[in-house]
Amino acid sequence: MPLLMTDPERGPLPREADVHVPAGRAAVLDVRRGQLLSIETPEGGQVAGLFGWVAGSSDEWLSPHHTRVFGGTFHLRMGTRMVTNRRRPMLVIGRDSLRRHDLLLPASEATVAAVASALAARGAEVARIPDPVNLFLDAELATDGRIIVRPCPARPGERWTARVLIDGLVAVAACPAGLPEASADPPRPVRARVTNLVGGLPEDLPLFAG
């Protein structure tokens, strides 16, 4: 039985993908239930904006706000279920060596424009472009309510991996973050992979100790 595929009796394994997302651009990928979605920053220092929509339902999307409430935390942890605006789990985190990600900040204008362009090129119509999950963005809430944002600590080759729980469409952006100090300037590329087997991924970096 293929590792991490949840429903092998459905027939042939779904199509895999390995996409280079150029700096300042976004890419759109299909994901199917049971697959693995991995986002990597090959050169380090780059925040990756992650967006998602449920297949066949353009008005249901991956929601960082509902994920915060559903999980009761501002932080993404191993095993965190990332939910849609209808509170349905869409992704569950399986591997993550950095463990520095953000569910607070909105997308930059450049990110929204890049995602809109990638969706248009794909011919995909969605009800809206929601706020992103900002992978590799180091932000936290201070006790006085301020949002503290630090430069992206991701090392070259840092990777985040989640299992897909609902068929959908995802967009991954390699653009400036909402705050200029949060990510590389100028932006750097990221890599997005959709695989069926965990063995198809290289080993992760050691856990970030900074």
C-alpha atoms as a PDB file:
ATOM      1  CA  MET A   1       0.000   0.000   0.000  1.00  0.00           C
ATOM      2  CA  PRO A   2       1.457   3.413  -0.916  1.00  0.00           C
ATOM      3  CA  LEU A   3       2.587   5.220   2.228  1.00  0.00           C
ATOM      4  CA  LEU A   4       0.231   8.048   3.237  1.00  0.00           C
ATOM      5  CA  MET A   5      -2.254   7.452   0.441  1.00  0.00           C
ATOM      6  CA  THR A   6      -5.536   7.266   2.365  1.00  0.00           C
ATOM      7  CA  ASP A   7      -7.793   5.587  -0.168  1.00  0.00           C
ATOM      8  CA  PRO A   8      -5.796   3.349  -2.552  1.00  0.00           C
ATOM      9  CA  GLU A   9      -8.890   1.570  -3.876  1.00  0.00           C
ATOM     10  CA  ARG A  10      -9.846   4.712  -5.787  1.00  0.00           C
ATOM     11  CA  GLY A  11      -7.748   3.545  -8.732  1.00  0.00           C
ATOM     12  CA  PRO A  12      -4.488   4.827 -10.231  1.00  0.00           C
ATOM     13  CA  LEU A  13      -2.420   7.159  -8.103  1.00  0.00           C
ATOM     14  CA  PRO A  14      -3.064  10.843  -8.837  1.00  0.00           C
ATOM     15  CA  ARG A  15      -0.634  12.926 -10.862  1.00  0.00           C
ATOM     16  CA  GLU A  16       2.439  14.253  -9.086  1.00  0.00           C
ATOM     17  CA  ALA A  17       4.046  17.656  -9.694  1.00  0.00           C
ATOM     18  CA  ASP A  18       7.388  19.363  -9.091  1.00  0.00           C
ATOM     19  CA  VAL A  19       7.160  23.096  -9.784  1.00  0.00           C
ATOM     20  CA  HIS A  20       9.804  25.819  -9.671  1.00  0.00           C
ATOM     21  CA  VAL A  21       8.085  29.054  -8.622  1.00  0.00           C
ATOM     22  CA  PRO A  22      10.167  31.970  -9.926  1.00  0.00           C
ATOM     23  CA  ALA A  23      10.916  34.925  -7.677  1.00  0.00           C
ATOM     24  CA  GLY A  24       8.022  37.359  -7.701  1.00  0.00           C
ATOM     25  CA  ARG A  25       5.622  34.847  -9.233  1.00  0.00           C
ATOM     26  CA  ALA A  26       3.044  32.275  -8.147  1.00  0.00           C
ATOM     27  CA  ALA A  27       2.135  28.788  -9.335  1.00  0.00           C
ATOM     28  CA  VAL A  28      -1.108  26.808  -9.160  1.00  0.00           C
ATOM     29  CA  LEU A  29      -1.168  23.046  -8.498  1.00  0.00           C
ATOM     30  CA  ASP A  30      -3.833  20.357  -8.214  1.00  0.00           C
ATOM     31  CA  VAL A  31      -3.797  18.322  -4.998  1.00  0.00           C
ATOM     32  CA  ARG A  32      -5.735  15.147  -4.238  1.00  0.00           C
ATOM     33  CA  ARG A  33      -6.725  13.555  -0.965  1.00  0.00           C
ATOM     34  CA  GLY A  34      -3.891  11.466   0.432  1.00  0.00           C
ATOM     35  CA  GLN A  35      -1.136  13.237  -1.477  1.00  0.00           C
ATOM     36  CA  LEU A  36       1.709  15.166   0.107  1.00  0.00           C
ATOM     37  CA  LEU A  37       2.193  18.881  -0.524  1.00  0.00           C
ATOM     38  CA  SER A  38       5.729  20.116   0.115  1.00  0.00           C
ATOM     39  CA  ILE A  39       6.940  23.717  -0.053  1.00  0.00           C
ATOM     40  CA  GLU A  40      10.672  24.417  -0.081  1.00  0.00           C
ATOM     41  CA  THR A  41      12.839  27.519  -0.088  1.00  0.00           C
ATOM     42  CA  PRO A  42      15.899  26.392  -2.094  1.00  0.00           C
ATOM     43  CA  GLU A  43      17.977  29.522  -1.430  1.00  0.00           C
ATOM     44  CA  GLY A  44      16.650  30.252   2.059  1.00  0.00           C
ATOM     45  CA  GLY A  45      15.297  33.500   3.427  1.00  0.00           C
ATOM     46  CA  GLN A  46      12.094  33.484   1.352  1.00  0.00           C
ATOM     47  CA  VAL A  47       8.560  33.427   2.690  1.00  0.00           C
ATOM     48  CA  ALA A  48       6.116  31.273   0.695  1.00  0.00           C
ATOM     49  CA  GLY A  49       2.487  32.362   0.549  1.00  0.00           C
ATOM     50  CA  LEU A  50       0.157  29.346   0.522  1.00  0.00           C
ATOM     51  CA  PHE A  51      -3.457  29.590  -0.688  1.00  0.00           C
ATOM     52  CA  GLY A  52      -5.971  26.794  -1.262  1.00  0.00           C
ATOM     53  CA  TRP A  53      -9.471  26.175  -2.606  1.00  0.00           C
ATOM     54  CA  VAL A  54     -11.626  23.069  -2.379  1.00  0.00           C
ATOM     55  CA  ALA A  55     -12.178  21.337  -5.730  1.00  0.00           C
ATOM     56  CA  GLY A  56     -15.577  22.100  -7.217  1.00  0.00           C
ATOM     57  CA  SER A  57     -16.337  24.782  -4.610  1.00  0.00           C
ATOM     58  CA  SER A  58     -14.624  28.092  -5.370  1.00  0.00           C
ATOM     59  CA  ASP A  59     -16.241  29.729  -2.330  1.00  0.00           C
ATOM     60  CA  GLU A  60     -14.541  27.361   0.139  1.00  0.00           C
ATOM     61  CA  TRP A  61     -10.896  28.119   0.766  1.00  0.00           C
ATOM     62  CA  LEU A  62      -8.019  27.429   3.133  1.00  0.00           C
ATOM     63  CA  SER A  63      -8.421  29.927   5.977  1.00  0.00           C
ATOM     64  CA  PRO A  64      -5.643  30.948   8.388  1.00  0.00           C
ATOM     65  CA  HIS A  65      -8.251  32.675  10.561  1.00  0.00           C
ATOM     66  CA  HIS A  66     -10.436  29.579  10.970  1.00  0.00           C
ATOM     67  CA  THR A  67      -7.283  27.496  11.453  1.00  0.00           C
ATOM     68  CA  ARG A  68      -6.291  29.711  14.401  1.00  0.00           C
ATOM     69  CA  VAL A  69      -9.691  29.285  16.040  1.00  0.00           C
ATOM     70  CA  PHE A  70      -9.940  25.571  15.191  1.00  0.00           C
ATOM     71  CA  GLY A  71      -6.496  24.863  16.676  1.00  0.00           C
ATOM     72  CA  GLY A  72      -6.656  27.436  19.466  1.00  0.00           C
ATOM     73  CA  THR A  73      -3.229  28.846  18.571  1.00  0.00           C
ATOM     74  CA  PHE A  74      -1.423  31.342  16.347  1.00  0.00           C
ATOM     75  CA  HIS A  75       1.294  28.764  15.608  1.00  0.00           C
ATOM     76  CA  LEU A  76       1.448  25.875  13.166  1.00  0.00           C
ATOM     77  CA  ARG A  77       2.669  22.695  14.808  1.00  0.00           C
ATOM     78  CA  MET A  78       3.260  19.120  13.738  1.00  0.00           C
ATOM     79  CA  GLY A  79      -0.162  17.522  13.390  1.00  0.00           C
ATOM     80  CA  THR A  80      -2.003  20.845  13.051  1.00  0.00           C
ATOM     81  CA  ARG A  81      -5.106  20.506  10.897  1.00  0.00           C
ATOM     82  CA  MET A  82      -5.445  23.500   8.587  1.00  0.00           C
ATOM     83  CA  VAL A  83      -9.108  24.150   7.907  1.00  0.00           C
ATOM     84  CA  THR A  84     -11.292  25.930   5.387  1.00  0.00           C
ATOM     85  CA  ASN A  85     -13.670  28.830   5.963  1.00  0.00           C
ATOM     86  CA  ARG A  86     -16.297  26.120   6.525  1.00  0.00           C
ATOM     87  CA  ARG A  87     -14.115  24.569   9.243  1.00  0.00           C
ATOM     88  CA  ARG A  88     -13.324  21.431   7.282  1.00  0.00           C
ATOM     89  CA  PRO A  89      -9.738  20.130   7.597  1.00  0.00           C
ATOM     90  CA  MET A  90      -7.970  20.522   4.245  1.00  0.00           C
ATOM     91  CA  LEU A  91      -4.328  19.838   5.203  1.00  0.00           C
ATOM     92  CA  VAL A  92      -2.536  18.273   8.157  1.00  0.00           C
ATOM     93  CA  ILE A  93       1.114  19.088   8.847  1.00  0.00           C
ATOM     94  CA  GLY A  94       3.400  16.060   8.726  1.00  0.00           C
ATOM     95  CA  ARG A  95       7.007  17.271   8.403  1.00  0.00           C
ATOM     96  CA  ASP A  96       8.509  20.636   9.286  1.00  0.00           C
ATOM     97  CA  SER A  97      12.096  21.356  10.234  1.00  0.00           C
ATOM     98  CA  LEU A  98      11.775  25.160  10.603  1.00  0.00           C
ATOM     99  CA  ARG A  99       8.569  25.471  12.646  1.00  0.00           C
ATOM    100  CA  ARG A 100       8.403  29.218  12.025  1.00  0.00           C
ATOM    101  CA  HIS A 101       5.227  30.155  10.132  1.00  0.00           C
ATOM    102  CA  ASP A 102       2.540  32.817  10.306  1.00  0.00           C
ATOM    103  CA  LEU A 103      -1.268  32.828  10.424  1.00  0.00           C
ATOM    104  CA  LEU A 104      -1.640  36.566  11.108  1.00  0.00           C
ATOM    105  CA  LEU A 105      -0.382  38.765   8.284  1.00  0.00           C
ATOM    106  CA  PRO A 106      -2.314  39.473   5.069  1.00  0.00           C
ATOM    107  CA  ALA A 107      -0.740  39.058   1.642  1.00  0.00           C
ATOM    108  CA  SER A 108       1.204  41.859   0.014  1.00  0.00           C
ATOM    109  CA  GLU A 109      -0.249  43.508  -3.081  1.00  0.00           C
ATOM    110  CA  ALA A 110       2.477  41.824  -5.138  1.00  0.00           C
ATOM    111  CA  THR A 111       1.444  38.420  -3.805  1.00  0.00           C
ATOM    112  CA  VAL A 112      -2.253  38.959  -4.549  1.00  0.00           C
ATOM    113  CA  ALA A 113      -1.410  40.120  -8.090  1.00  0.00           C
ATOM    114  CA  ALA A 114       0.849  37.108  -8.696  1.00  0.00           C
ATOM    115  CA  VAL A 115      -1.771  34.646  -7.454  1.00  0.00           C
ATOM    116  CA  ALA A 116      -4.502  36.303  -9.531  1.00  0.00           C
ATOM    117  CA  SER A 117      -2.277  36.068 -12.626  1.00  0.00           C
ATOM    118  CA  ALA A 118      -1.498  32.379 -11.983  1.00  0.00           C
ATOM    119  CA  LEU A 119      -5.181  31.558 -11.485  1.00  0.00           C
ATOM    120  CA  ALA A 120      -6.139  33.416 -14.685  1.00  0.00           C
ATOM    121  CA  ALA A 121      -3.450  31.568 -16.658  1.00  0.00           C
ATOM    122  CA  ARG A 122      -4.878  28.314 -15.353  1.00  0.00           C
ATOM    123  CA  GLY A 123      -8.430  29.386 -16.209  1.00  0.00           C
ATOM    124  CA  ALA A 124      -9.476  28.930 -12.590  1.00  0.00           C
ATOM    125  CA  GLU A 125     -12.229  31.135 -11.194  1.00  0.00           C
ATOM    126  CA  VAL A 126     -12.461  31.591  -7.428  1.00  0.00           C
ATOM    127  CA  ALA A 127     -14.797  33.663  -5.295  1.00  0.00           C
ATOM    128  CA  ARG A 128     -11.891  35.510  -3.685  1.00  0.00           C
ATOM    129  CA  ILE A 129      -8.187  35.373  -2.956  1.00  0.00           C
ATOM    130  CA  PRO A 130      -8.122  34.896   0.822  1.00  0.00           C
ATOM    131  CA  ASP A 131      -5.361  35.747   3.253  1.00  0.00           C
ATOM    132  CA  PRO A 132      -2.453  33.306   2.984  1.00  0.00           C
ATOM    133  CA  VAL A 133      -0.707  30.930   5.278  1.00  0.00           C
ATOM    134  CA  ASN A 134       2.758  32.530   5.359  1.00  0.00           C
ATOM    135  CA  LEU A 135       5.224  29.654   5.442  1.00  0.00           C
ATOM    136  CA  PHE A 136       8.709  30.452   6.781  1.00  0.00           C
ATOM    137  CA  LEU A 137       7.543  33.829   8.128  1.00  0.00           C
ATOM    138  CA  ASP A 138       8.723  34.411  11.700  1.00  0.00           C
ATOM    139  CA  ALA A 139       6.056  36.421  13.541  1.00  0.00           C
ATOM    140  CA  GLU A 140       4.639  36.332  17.034  1.00  0.00           C
ATOM    141  CA  LEU A 141       2.297  38.275  19.298  1.00  0.00           C
ATOM    142  CA  ALA A 142       3.855  40.273  22.131  1.00  0.00           C
ATOM    143  CA  THR A 143       2.140  40.423  25.509  1.00  0.00           C
ATOM    144  CA  ASP A 144       1.027  43.981  24.728  1.00  0.00           C
ATOM    145  CA  GLY A 145      -0.692  42.836  21.510  1.00  0.00           C
ATOM    146  CA  ARG A 146       1.973  43.995  19.057  1.00  0.00           C
ATOM    147  CA  ILE A 147       2.884  41.713  16.152  1.00  0.00           C
ATOM    148  CA  ILE A 148       6.648  41.203  16.138  1.00  0.00           C
ATOM    149  CA  VAL A 149       8.085  40.241  12.750  1.00  0.00           C
ATOM    150  CA  ARG A 150      11.657  39.036  12.306  1.00  0.00           C
ATOM    151  CA  PRO A 151      13.641  38.363   9.108  1.00  0.00           C
ATOM    152  CA  CYS A 152      12.870  34.977   7.582  1.00  0.00           C
ATOM    153  CA  PRO A 153      15.160  32.415   9.285  1.00  0.00           C
ATOM    154  CA  ALA A 154      14.714  29.677   6.657  1.00  0.00           C
ATOM    155  CA  ARG A 155      17.952  28.014   5.571  1.00  0.00           C
ATOM    156  CA  PRO A 156      18.544  26.878   1.979  1.00  0.00           C
ATOM    157  CA  GLY A 157      16.556  23.685   1.488  1.00  0.00           C
ATOM    158  CA  GLU A 158      14.114  24.285   4.335  1.00  0.00           C
ATOM    159  CA  ARG A 159      10.930  22.312   3.664  1.00  0.00           C
ATOM    160  CA  TRP A 160       7.388  22.114   5.027  1.00  0.00           C
ATOM    161  CA  THR A 161       5.160  19.122   4.186  1.00  0.00           C
ATOM    162  CA  ALA A 162       1.465  18.459   4.765  1.00  0.00           C
ATOM    163  CA  ARG A 163      -0.900  15.654   3.832  1.00  0.00           C
ATOM    164  CA  VAL A 164      -3.887  16.647   1.709  1.00  0.00           C
ATOM    165  CA  LEU A 165      -7.282  15.807   3.227  1.00  0.00           C
ATOM    166  CA  ILE A 166      -9.599  17.286   0.579  1.00  0.00           C
ATOM    167  CA  ASP A 167      -9.176  17.436  -3.202  1.00  0.00           C
ATOM    168  CA  GLY A 168      -8.358  20.987  -4.159  1.00  0.00           C
ATOM    169  CA  LEU A 169      -6.312  23.621  -5.891  1.00  0.00           C
ATOM    170  CA  VAL A 170      -3.409  25.396  -4.211  1.00  0.00           C
ATOM    171  CA  ALA A 171      -1.390  28.445  -5.134  1.00  0.00           C
ATOM    172  CA  VAL A 172       2.158  29.018  -3.905  1.00  0.00           C
ATOM    173  CA  ALA A 173       3.712  32.496  -4.163  1.00  0.00           C
ATOM    174  CA  ALA A 174       7.370  33.555  -3.969  1.00  0.00           C
ATOM    175  CA  CYS A 175       6.743  37.265  -3.511  1.00  0.00           C
ATOM    176  CA  PRO A 176       7.554  40.048  -1.058  1.00  0.00           C
ATOM    177  CA  ALA A 177       5.753  39.542   2.246  1.00  0.00           C
ATOM    178  CA  GLY A 178       3.315  42.040   3.728  1.00  0.00           C
ATOM    179  CA  LEU A 179       6.149  43.670   5.680  1.00  0.00           C
ATOM    180  CA  PRO A 180       9.452  44.349   3.859  1.00  0.00           C
ATOM    181  CA  GLU A 181      11.638  43.025   6.680  1.00  0.00           C
ATOM    182  CA  ALA A 182       9.838  39.655   6.751  1.00  0.00           C
ATOM    183  CA  SER A 183      11.315  38.071   3.621  1.00  0.00           C
ATOM    184  CA  ALA A 184      14.145  38.257   1.095  1.00  0.00           C
ATOM    185  CA  ASP A 185      14.534  41.504  -0.857  1.00  0.00           C
ATOM    186  CA  PRO A 186      14.615  41.033  -3.785  1.00  0.00           C
ATOM    187  CA  PRO A 187      12.477  37.886  -3.547  1.00  0.00           C
ATOM    188  CA  ARG A 188      13.885  34.429  -4.227  1.00  0.00           C
ATOM    189  CA  PRO A 189      12.280  31.367  -5.856  1.00  0.00           C
ATOM    190  CA  VAL A 190      10.509  28.571  -4.011  1.00  0.00           C
ATOM    191  CA  ARG A 191       9.727  24.994  -4.976  1.00  0.00           C
ATOM    192  CA  ALA A 192       6.390  23.209  -4.661  1.00  0.00           C
ATOM    193  CA  ARG A 193       5.978  19.450  -4.929  1.00  0.00           C
ATOM    194  CA  VAL A 194       2.948  17.192  -4.899  1.00  0.00           C
ATOM    195  CA  THR A 195       3.907  13.556  -4.307  1.00  0.00           C
ATOM    196  CA  ASN A 196       2.150  10.286  -3.568  1.00  0.00           C
ATOM    197  CA  LEU A 197       4.874   8.675  -1.467  1.00  0.00           C
ATOM    198  CA  VAL A 198       6.851  10.141   1.387  1.00  0.00           C
ATOM    199  CA  GLY A 199       9.872   8.278  -0.001  1.00  0.00           C
ATOM    200  CA  GLY A 200       9.730  10.545  -3.031  1.00  0.00           C
ATOM    201  CA  LEU A 201      10.962  13.435  -0.904  1.00  0.00           C
ATOM    202  CA  PRO A 202      14.576  13.965   0.154  1.00  0.00           C
ATOM    203  CA  GLU A 203      15.484  14.044   3.813  1.00  0.00           C
ATOM    204  CA  ASP A 204      14.534  17.187   5.687  1.00  0.00           C
ATOM    205  CA  LEU A 205      17.097  19.496   7.230  1.00  0.00           C
ATOM    206  CA  PRO A 206      17.786  19.024  10.955  1.00  0.00           C
ATOM    207  CA  LEU A 207      15.346  20.841  13.222  1.00  0.00           C
ATOM    208  CA  PHE A 208      15.944  24.576  13.314  1.00  0.00           C
ATOM    209  CA  ALA A 209      17.659  25.460  16.592  1.00  0.00           C
ATOM    210  CA  GLY A 210      17.672  29.266  16.344  1.00  0.00           C
END
